[in-house]
Amino acid sequence: MAHPDGLLPSLVAFVGGYLPWSIPLIDYSRHFELLNTSSAVRVLVGGILMIVTLASSRTFVQRRPQARCEVSAGPYRWIAHLLCLWKEIAVEGIVLQYISLVAMLVLVAHIAIQI
């Protein structure tokens, strides 16, 4: 199995996986109830959809990279990286709790790395 050369691919994978964990380090500010409710709904929906996606495609999610067959069943038939989409919805919910310019920059950087 071929491995990418250099430090950049490992750095991108690390930042893409762990960048959202830095959001709670940003100063928390009080907001309207509607914003807090929207945040909670996004985090819950994103988390639940991640669990549903993993449960429905348990044979296609592996810890080790390997050749994959074309998936034509379950939610993966509509979008290739469905798990990343649900993760982004949950991360957006977290950003709503810490909404600021820094939190938005973290979100944009995380989305850019995921793409």
Protein backbone atom coordinates (compact mmCIF):
# COMPACT_ATOMS: atom_id res chain seq x y z
CA MET A 1 0.00 0.00 0.00
CA ALA A 2 1.42 3.39 -0.99
CA HIS A 3 1.87 6.08 1.64
CA PRO A 4 2.01 9.80 0.86
CA ASP A 5 5.45 11.36 1.23
CA GLY A 6 6.27 14.30 3.45
CA LEU A 7 4.81 15.91 6.52
CA LEU A 8 1.99 17.83 4.79
CA PRO A 9 -0.51 14.93 4.37
CA SER A 10 -0.11 13.95 8.03
CA LEU A 11 -0.46 17.57 9.14
CA VAL A 12 -3.61 18.06 7.06
CA ALA A 13 -5.14 14.86 8.49
CA PHE A 14 -4.30 15.92 12.05
CA VAL A 15 -5.66 19.45 11.64
CA GLY A 16 -8.76 18.20 9.82
CA GLY A 17 -9.52 15.75 12.60
CA TYR A 18 -8.68 17.84 15.66
CA LEU A 19 -9.25 21.49 14.69
CA PRO A 20 -12.87 21.54 15.95
CA TRP A 21 -11.60 20.64 19.44
CA SER A 22 -10.04 24.11 19.61
CA ILE A 23 -13.39 25.89 19.33
CA PRO A 24 -14.25 25.68 23.08
CA LEU A 25 -10.98 27.50 23.81
CA ILE A 26 -12.57 30.59 22.26
CA ASP A 27 -14.37 32.86 24.70
CA TYR A 28 -17.98 31.76 25.22
CA SER A 29 -20.56 34.51 24.88
CA ARG A 30 -24.26 34.65 25.74
CA HIS A 31 -26.73 34.72 22.86
CA PHE A 32 -30.41 34.66 22.19
CA GLU A 33 -32.35 31.50 23.04
CA LEU A 34 -33.07 30.90 19.35
CA LEU A 35 -29.35 30.76 18.58
CA ASN A 36 -28.69 28.40 21.50
CA THR A 37 -31.59 26.18 20.44
CA SER A 38 -30.35 26.13 16.84
CA SER A 39 -26.90 25.17 18.10
CA ALA A 40 -28.24 22.30 20.21
CA VAL A 41 -30.40 21.01 17.37
CA ARG A 42 -27.46 21.04 14.92
CA VAL A 43 -25.18 19.19 17.35
CA LEU A 44 -27.85 16.57 18.13
CA VAL A 45 -28.94 16.07 14.52
CA GLY A 46 -25.34 15.88 13.29
CA GLY A 47 -24.43 13.35 16.00
CA ILE A 48 -27.50 11.20 15.43
CA LEU A 49 -26.99 11.19 11.67
CA MET A 50 -23.34 10.18 12.13
CA ILE A 51 -24.47 7.19 14.21
CA VAL A 52 -27.16 6.25 11.66
CA THR A 53 -24.64 6.51 8.82
CA LEU A 54 -22.10 4.34 10.61
CA ALA A 55 -24.74 1.79 11.56
CA SER A 56 -26.13 1.55 8.02
CA SER A 57 -22.73 1.20 6.37
CA ARG A 58 -20.76 -0.81 8.91
CA THR A 59 -19.14 -2.93 6.23
CA PHE A 60 -17.89 0.13 4.33
CA VAL A 61 -16.29 2.06 7.22
CA GLN A 62 -12.88 0.64 8.04
CA ARG A 63 -10.03 1.86 10.21
CA ARG A 64 -7.45 0.92 7.59
CA PRO A 65 -7.60 2.37 4.08
CA GLN A 66 -8.24 -0.22 1.43
CA ALA A 67 -9.79 -0.57 -1.99
CA ARG A 68 -13.51 0.07 -1.76
CA CYS A 69 -16.33 -1.21 -3.86
CA GLU A 70 -18.99 1.09 -5.23
CA VAL A 71 -21.66 1.63 -2.63
CA SER A 72 -25.19 1.62 -4.01
CA ALA A 73 -27.17 1.06 -0.83
CA GLY A 74 -27.87 3.17 2.21
CA PRO A 75 -27.19 6.90 2.49
CA TYR A 76 -23.86 6.65 0.65
CA ARG A 77 -25.68 6.20 -2.65
CA TRP A 78 -26.48 9.96 -2.61
CA ILE A 79 -23.23 11.47 -1.33
CA ALA A 80 -19.75 9.97 -1.09
CA HIS A 81 -18.62 11.60 2.16
CA LEU A 82 -21.85 11.63 4.12
CA LEU A 83 -20.10 11.19 7.46
CA CYS A 84 -18.07 14.36 6.85
CA LEU A 85 -21.25 16.27 6.01
CA TRP A 86 -22.90 15.26 9.31
CA LYS A 87 -19.72 16.13 11.18
CA GLU A 88 -19.74 19.61 9.65
CA ILE A 89 -23.35 20.12 10.74
CA ALA A 90 -22.38 19.24 14.32
CA VAL A 91 -19.30 21.49 14.18
CA GLU A 92 -21.47 24.36 12.91
CA GLY A 93 -23.67 23.86 15.96
CA ILE A 94 -20.64 24.17 18.23
CA VAL A 95 -19.49 27.30 16.40
CA LEU A 96 -22.91 28.89 17.02
CA GLN A 97 -22.21 28.66 20.77
CA TYR A 98 -18.86 30.42 20.42
CA ILE A 99 -19.78 32.68 17.52
CA SER A 100 -17.04 35.18 16.79
CA LEU A 101 -14.63 36.01 14.00
CA VAL A 102 -12.09 33.52 15.34
CA ALA A 103 -14.69 30.73 15.55
CA MET A 104 -15.83 31.45 11.99
CA LEU A 105 -12.21 31.33 10.77
CA VAL A 106 -11.76 27.95 12.49
CA LEU A 107 -14.94 26.68 10.80
CA VAL A 108 -13.88 27.93 7.37
CA ALA A 109 -10.41 26.40 7.80
CA HIS A 110 -11.93 23.09 8.87
CA ILE A 111 -14.31 23.01 5.90
CA ALA A 112 -11.47 23.91 3.52
CA ILE A 113 -9.34 21.06 4.88
CA GLN A 114 -12.25 18.59 4.61
CA ILE A 115 -12.82 19.47 0.96
